[in-house]
Structures are given as C-alpha cells and as structure tokens.
C-alpha atoms as a PDB file:
ATOM      1  CA  VAL A   1     -29.592  52.845  16.685  1.00  0.00           C
ATOM      2  CA  SER A   2     -27.570  51.948  13.650  1.00  0.00           C
ATOM      3  CA  THR A   3     -27.827  53.689  10.309  1.00  0.00           C
ATOM      4  CA  GLN A   4     -29.784  50.762   8.819  1.00  0.00           C
ATOM      5  CA  SER A   5     -32.997  51.872  10.540  1.00  0.00           C
ATOM      6  CA  THR A   6     -35.204  54.573   9.149  1.00  0.00           C
ATOM      7  CA  GLY A   7     -37.228  56.922  11.306  1.00  0.00           C
ATOM      8  CA  TRP A   8     -40.432  54.900  11.152  1.00  0.00           C
ATOM      9  CA  ARG A   9     -38.625  51.669  12.092  1.00  0.00           C
ATOM     10  CA  THR A  10     -37.013  53.364  15.048  1.00  0.00           C
ATOM     11  CA  ALA A  11     -40.275  54.962  16.194  1.00  0.00           C
ATOM     12  CA  LEU A  12     -42.223  51.725  15.792  1.00  0.00           C
ATOM     13  CA  SER A  13     -39.603  49.765  17.716  1.00  0.00           C
ATOM     14  CA  PHE A  14     -39.635  52.407  20.458  1.00  0.00           C
ATOM     15  CA  LEU A  15     -43.435  52.228  20.800  1.00  0.00           C
ATOM     16  CA  VAL A  16     -43.709  48.439  20.612  1.00  0.00           C
ATOM     17  CA  GLY A  17     -40.790  48.047  23.027  1.00  0.00           C
ATOM     18  CA  GLY A  18     -42.448  50.385  25.504  1.00  0.00           C
ATOM     19  CA  PHE A  19     -45.773  48.580  25.268  1.00  0.00           C
ATOM     20  CA  GLY A  20     -44.154  45.138  25.430  1.00  0.00           C
ATOM     21  CA  GLY A  21     -42.042  46.103  28.419  1.00  0.00           C
ATOM     22  CA  THR A  22     -44.945  47.546  30.351  1.00  0.00           C
ATOM     23  CA  LEU A  23     -47.127  44.545  29.544  1.00  0.00           C
ATOM     24  CA  PHE A  24     -44.410  42.089  30.620  1.00  0.00           C
ATOM     25  CA  SER A  25     -43.846  43.984  33.857  1.00  0.00           C
ATOM     26  CA  THR A  26     -47.567  44.084  34.536  1.00  0.00           C
ATOM     27  CA  LEU A  27     -47.752  40.334  34.089  1.00  0.00           C
ATOM     28  CA  LEU A  28     -44.935  39.637  36.541  1.00  0.00           C
ATOM     29  CA  LEU A  29     -45.515  42.425  39.058  1.00  0.00           C
ATOM     30  CA  THR A  30     -49.277  42.550  39.399  1.00  0.00           C
ATOM     31  CA  ASN A  31     -49.314  44.951  42.361  1.00  0.00           C
ATOM     32  CA  ASN A  32     -46.693  47.363  41.019  1.00  0.00           C
ATOM     33  CA  ILE A  33     -47.311  49.066  37.725  1.00  0.00           C
ATOM     34  CA  THR A  34     -44.365  50.955  36.317  1.00  0.00           C
ATOM     35  CA  VAL A  35     -44.339  53.374  33.442  1.00  0.00           C
ATOM     36  CA  SER A  36     -41.112  54.582  31.910  1.00  0.00           C
ATOM     37  CA  SER A  37     -39.215  54.832  28.680  1.00  0.00           C
ATOM     38  CA  SER A  38     -36.767  52.109  29.745  1.00  0.00           C
ATOM     39  CA  GLY A  39     -38.707  49.336  28.029  1.00  0.00           C
ATOM     40  CA  ALA A  40     -38.866  51.468  24.903  1.00  0.00           C
ATOM     41  CA  MET A  41     -35.109  52.034  24.984  1.00  0.00           C
ATOM     42  CA  PHE A  42     -34.581  48.300  25.310  1.00  0.00           C
ATOM     43  CA  GLY A  43     -36.883  47.882  22.319  1.00  0.00           C
ATOM     44  CA  LEU A  44     -34.310  49.905  20.391  1.00  0.00           C
ATOM     45  CA  TYR A  45     -31.551  47.641  21.715  1.00  0.00           C
ATOM     46  CA  GLY A  46     -33.563  44.684  20.444  1.00  0.00           C
ATOM     47  CA  LEU A  47     -33.821  46.359  17.043  1.00  0.00           C
ATOM     48  CA  VAL A  48     -30.047  46.811  16.942  1.00  0.00           C
ATOM     49  CA  PHE A  49     -29.533  43.127  17.815  1.00  0.00           C
ATOM     50  CA  ALA A  50     -31.926  42.097  15.026  1.00  0.00           C
ATOM     51  CA  GLU A  51     -30.100  44.362  12.566  1.00  0.00           C
ATOM     52  CA  CYS A  52     -26.738  42.930  13.554  1.00  0.00           C
ATOM     53  CA  LEU A  53     -28.089  39.420  13.151  1.00  0.00           C
ATOM     54  CA  LEU A  54     -29.713  39.985   9.766  1.00  0.00           C
ATOM     55  CA  LEU A  55     -27.483  42.651   8.205  1.00  0.00           C
ATOM     56  CA  LYS A  56     -24.032  41.922   9.562  1.00  0.00           C
ATOM     57  CA  HIS A  57     -22.655  41.666   6.017  1.00  0.00           C
ATOM     58  CA  ARG A  58     -23.778  45.258   5.298  1.00  0.00           C
ATOM     59  CA  MET A  59     -22.593  46.809   8.530  1.00  0.00           C
ATOM     60  CA  ARG A  60     -19.152  47.964   9.536  1.00  0.00           C
ATOM     61  CA  GLN A  61     -18.176  46.279  12.785  1.00  0.00           C
ATOM     62  CA  PRO A  62     -21.581  44.781  13.708  1.00  0.00           C
ATOM     63  CA  TYR A  63     -20.124  43.138  16.804  1.00  0.00           C
ATOM     64  CA  ARG A  64     -19.054  46.548  18.068  1.00  0.00           C
ATOM     65  CA  HIS A  65     -22.735  47.575  18.064  1.00  0.00           C
ATOM     66  CA  VAL A  66     -23.634  44.421  19.980  1.00  0.00           C
ATOM     67  CA  VAL A  67     -20.879  44.943  22.559  1.00  0.00           C
ATOM     68  CA  MET A  68     -21.846  48.587  23.100  1.00  0.00           C
ATOM     69  CA  CYS A  69     -25.500  47.611  23.550  1.00  0.00           C
ATOM     70  CA  CYS A  70     -24.525  44.829  25.961  1.00  0.00           C
ATOM     71  CA  ILE A  71     -22.494  47.251  28.078  1.00  0.00           C
ATOM     72  CA  ALA A  72     -25.392  49.715  28.222  1.00  0.00           C
ATOM     73  CA  MET A  73     -27.823  46.901  29.028  1.00  0.00           C
ATOM     74  CA  ILE A  74     -25.641  45.593  31.874  1.00  0.00           C
ATOM     75  CA  VAL A  75     -25.455  49.078  33.394  1.00  0.00           C
ATOM     76  CA  ASP A  76     -29.229  49.473  33.053  1.00  0.00           C
ATOM     77  CA  PHE A  77     -29.868  46.061  34.633  1.00  0.00           C
ATOM     78  CA  GLY A  78     -27.546  47.007  37.486  1.00  0.00           C
ATOM     79  CA  LEU A  79     -29.495  50.201  38.071  1.00  0.00           C
ATOM     80  CA  GLY A  80     -32.694  48.152  37.885  1.00  0.00           C
ATOM     81  CA  LEU A  81     -31.693  46.463  41.132  1.00  0.00           C
ATOM     82  CA  LEU A  82     -32.425  49.707  42.972  1.00  0.00           C
ATOM     83  CA  PRO A  83     -35.903  50.231  44.411  1.00  0.00           C
ATOM     84  CA  TYR A  84     -38.654  51.550  42.137  1.00  0.00           C
ATOM     85  CA  LEU A  85     -36.762  50.607  38.982  1.00  0.00           C
ATOM     86  CA  ASP A  86     -38.085  47.658  37.036  1.00  0.00           C
ATOM     87  CA  ASN A  87     -35.907  45.107  35.232  1.00  0.00           C
ATOM     88  CA  PHE A  88     -38.923  43.197  33.936  1.00  0.00           C
ATOM     89  CA  THR A  89     -39.847  46.190  31.813  1.00  0.00           C
ATOM     90  CA  LEU A  90     -36.381  46.072  30.290  1.00  0.00           C
ATOM     91  CA  ILE A  91     -36.659  42.381  29.455  1.00  0.00           C
ATOM     92  CA  GLY A  92     -40.095  42.759  27.892  1.00  0.00           C
ATOM     93  CA  GLY A  93     -38.980  45.783  25.882  1.00  0.00           C
ATOM     94  CA  PHE A  94     -35.929  43.950  24.557  1.00  0.00           C
ATOM     95  CA  ILE A  95     -37.906  40.844  23.567  1.00  0.00           C
ATOM     96  CA  SER A  96     -40.591  42.814  21.767  1.00  0.00           C
ATOM     97  CA  GLY A  97     -38.041  45.093  20.061  1.00  0.00           C
ATOM     98  CA  PHE A  98     -35.962  42.132  18.891  1.00  0.00           C
ATOM     99  CA  LEU A  99     -38.973  40.237  17.545  1.00  0.00           C
ATOM    100  CA  LEU A 100     -40.255  43.355  15.801  1.00  0.00           C
ATOM    101  CA  GLY A 101     -36.775  43.940  14.403  1.00  0.00           C
ATOM    102  CA  LEU A 102     -36.819  40.495  12.812  1.00  0.00           C
ATOM    103  CA  VAL A 103     -39.942  41.597  10.953  1.00  0.00           C
ATOM    104  CA  ILE A 104     -39.106  45.179   9.945  1.00  0.00           C
ATOM    105  CA  VAL A 105     -35.374  45.063   9.228  1.00  0.00           C
ATOM    106  CA  PRO A 106     -35.018  45.164   5.442  1.00  0.00           C
ATOM    107  CA  GLY A 107     -33.427  42.347   3.466  1.00  0.00           C
ATOM    108  CA  SER A 108     -30.205  42.631   1.507  1.00  0.00           C
ATOM    109  CA  THR A 109     -29.995  44.465  -1.796  1.00  0.00           C
ATOM    110  CA  SER A 110     -26.614  42.997  -2.705  1.00  0.00           C
ATOM    111  CA  LYS A 111     -26.707  40.505  -5.586  1.00  0.00           C
ATOM    112  CA  ARG A 112     -24.062  38.411  -3.869  1.00  0.00           C
ATOM    113  CA  PHE A 113     -26.208  37.932  -0.782  1.00  0.00           C
ATOM    114  CA  LYS A 114     -29.662  38.259  -2.401  1.00  0.00           C
ATOM    115  CA  LYS A 115     -30.631  34.571  -2.603  1.00  0.00           C
ATOM    116  CA  ASN A 116     -29.419  33.590   0.869  1.00  0.00           C
ATOM    117  CA  CYS A 117     -30.742  36.754   2.461  1.00  0.00           C
ATOM    118  CA  THR A 118     -34.232  36.544   1.016  1.00  0.00           C
ATOM    119  CA  THR A 119     -34.650  33.060   2.461  1.00  0.00           C
ATOM    120  CA  LYS A 120     -33.047  34.183   5.713  1.00  0.00           C
ATOM    121  CA  LYS A 121     -35.304  37.256   5.796  1.00  0.00           C
ATOM    122  CA  LYS A 122     -38.440  35.198   5.166  1.00  0.00           C
ATOM    123  CA  VAL A 123     -37.554  32.832   8.007  1.00  0.00           C
ATOM    124  CA  ALA A 124     -36.701  35.779  10.284  1.00  0.00           C
ATOM    125  CA  THR A 125     -39.976  37.513   9.418  1.00  0.00           C
ATOM    126  CA  PHE A 126     -41.953  34.348  10.134  1.00  0.00           C
ATOM    127  CA  ILE A 127     -40.188  33.796  13.458  1.00  0.00           C
ATOM    128  CA  GLY A 128     -40.600  37.468  14.390  1.00  0.00           C
ATOM    129  CA  LEU A 129     -44.319  37.575  13.568  1.00  0.00           C
ATOM    130  CA  LEU A 130     -45.026  34.298  15.316  1.00  0.00           C
ATOM    131  CA  GLY A 131     -42.969  35.410  18.306  1.00  0.00           C
ATOM    132  CA  LEU A 132     -44.757  38.774  18.554  1.00  0.00           C
ATOM    133  CA  ILE A 133     -48.173  37.144  18.341  1.00  0.00           C
ATOM    134  CA  LEU A 134     -47.250  34.605  21.018  1.00  0.00           C
ATOM    135  CA  PHE A 135     -45.456  37.155  23.222  1.00  0.00           C
ATOM    136  CA  PHE A 136     -48.330  39.617  23.275  1.00  0.00           C
ATOM    137  CA  GLY A 137     -51.119  37.062  22.977  1.00  0.00           C
ATOM    138  CA  VAL A 138     -50.013  34.939  25.923  1.00  0.00           C
ATOM    139  CA  GLN A 139     -49.472  37.994  28.100  1.00  0.00           C
ATOM    140  CA  LEU A 140     -52.831  39.525  27.247  1.00  0.00           C
ATOM    141  CA  TYR A 141     -54.557  36.197  27.802  1.00  0.00           C
ATOM    142  CA  PHE A 142     -53.108  35.723  31.279  1.00  0.00           C
ATOM    143  CA  LEU A 143     -53.634  39.344  32.248  1.00  0.00           C
ATOM    144  CA  THR A 144     -57.306  39.197  31.312  1.00  0.00           C
ATOM    145  CA  TYR A 145     -57.948  35.600  32.399  1.00  0.00           C
ATOM    146  CA  ASP A 146     -56.604  35.593  35.956  1.00  0.00           C
ATOM    147  CA  PRO A 147     -53.913  38.194  36.627  1.00  0.00           C
ATOM    148  CA  ASP A 148     -53.517  37.371  40.316  1.00  0.00           C
ATOM    149  CA  SER A 149     -52.544  33.760  39.606  1.00  0.00           C
ATOM    150  CA  TRP A 150     -49.544  35.028  37.615  1.00  0.00           C
ATOM    151  CA  SER A 151     -48.105  37.090  40.418  1.00  0.00           C
ATOM    152  CA  ILE A 152     -44.360  36.718  40.716  1.00  0.00           C
ATOM    153  CA  ASN A 153     -44.667  35.435  44.290  1.00  0.00           C
ATOM    154  CA  ASN A 154     -47.056  32.654  43.287  1.00  0.00           C
ATOM    155  CA  TRP A 155     -44.913  31.077  40.584  1.00  0.00           C
ATOM    156  CA  PHE A 156     -41.345  32.247  41.051  1.00  0.00           C
ATOM    157  CA  PRO A 157     -40.849  33.615  44.564  1.00  0.00           C
ATOM    158  CA  ASP A 158     -37.102  34.154  44.146  1.00  0.00           C
ATOM    159  CA  LEU A 159     -37.463  35.969  40.836  1.00  0.00           C
ATOM    160  CA  LYS A 160     -38.317  39.149  42.716  1.00  0.00           C
ATOM    161  CA  TYR A 161     -34.622  39.416  43.606  1.00  0.00           C
ATOM    162  CA  PHE A 162     -33.885  39.965  39.935  1.00  0.00           C
ATOM    163  CA  ASN A 163     -35.792  43.206  40.307  1.00  0.00           C
ATOM    164  CA  CYS A 164     -34.301  44.444  43.584  1.00  0.00           C
ATOM    165  CA  LEU A 165     -31.335  43.974  45.880  1.00  0.00           C
ATOM    166  CA  PRO A 166     -32.172  42.141  49.100  1.00  0.00           C
ATOM    167  CA  LEU A 167     -30.335  44.776  51.144  1.00  0.00           C
ATOM    168  CA  LEU A 168     -31.663  47.245  53.682  1.00  0.00           C
ATOM    169  CA  GLY A 169     -35.220  45.978  53.212  1.00  0.00           C
ATOM    170  CA  TRP A 170     -35.405  47.234  49.635  1.00  0.00           C
ATOM    171  CA  CYS A 171     -37.225  44.163  48.381  1.00  0.00           C
ATOM    172  CA  ASP A 172     -39.941  44.788  50.942  1.00  0.00           C
ATOM    173  CA  LEU A 173     -40.867  47.851  48.910  1.00  0.00           C
ATOM    174  CA  TYR A 174     -42.243  45.366  46.392  1.00  0.00           C
ATOM    175  CA  SER A 175     -44.598  43.826  48.922  1.00  0.00           C
ATOM    176  CA  ASN A 176     -46.241  41.856  46.179  1.00  0.00           C
END
C-alpha cells in the first residue's frame, strides 16, 4: 500500500475488503462458503487504486503503483481458476476496498490543487458512500430475502467458469 495511507486506513480497508469479498462470494456461490484473506488483500488493492485516482498529483509514479497492482491481481485471478480458490471473493474485496478508498483517502493540502481537489474529494466521497451502501445493502438484502434464488447456476450458469477451469472435472467440485 502506498505511503499515502495511514495505519487505520490500511486496517479498515483490509477489514472491509475481507467482509465485502466474503459477502460477495456468499451471494454468488451459495453452496460454497470460502474464508480467506484474499478478499482483504484485494481491498488493499482497491485502496491503492482509489489513492492513485484521487492523489496522483501528490504521488511519484502513480501509474507504476497501478501497473504493479494489476500484475499481482492478474496472477491472483489466474490462481483463482484452480479448485477451492475463489475469484468472487477477490472481486468483492476489490470493489469494497475501492469504494471505501474513495471515502477515506484524504484530500489535497496543496494550495495549487486545493479548490479542484476539495470538489473532487466531495464527489468521490459521495460516490464512495453511496456505492458502499448499495454494494452491501443489495447483497445483504438478497442474502436474507431469498439466497437460493441468487445462486450462480440460476442466473449466470456460465459464470462458474470464471471461478474454475473446466479441465479434469475441476468445475464439478463446485457442484452448486
């Protein structure tokens, strides 16, 4: 995580990313509950993306951070195609970490960027808060309302292949 984040921002992003990833995975894979720190790590990637978006004028080589995160994310998604590893947790962790990052990343202290950044920060905070409320609210609603109707096989039968390779019967391990 870049130097722009303090310890509490990093810890909060880690926790929210882990919860968001697990919740997202639970929504899409109703018969397979996974618990890992992968969603939390992707929450940190989301925080880095939010920092690079909002603070690119304060960072040295912000695109380098984005490229490094993208490389790590591609490797993690590739590993997520193996059995018992869950890519949906990664997606949920990234979304929740990015939305939280829009809220908790500080604004600019530079006088040159102060006026533009305060407006930009207010818009980012609004979008982040609204996104977090919708992201968690919709998931919690559907998980408590009728979780079986939101099974991956009911709505998107081919989406299960995003979570496993259809080789050697591996996808049958997710007999969802």
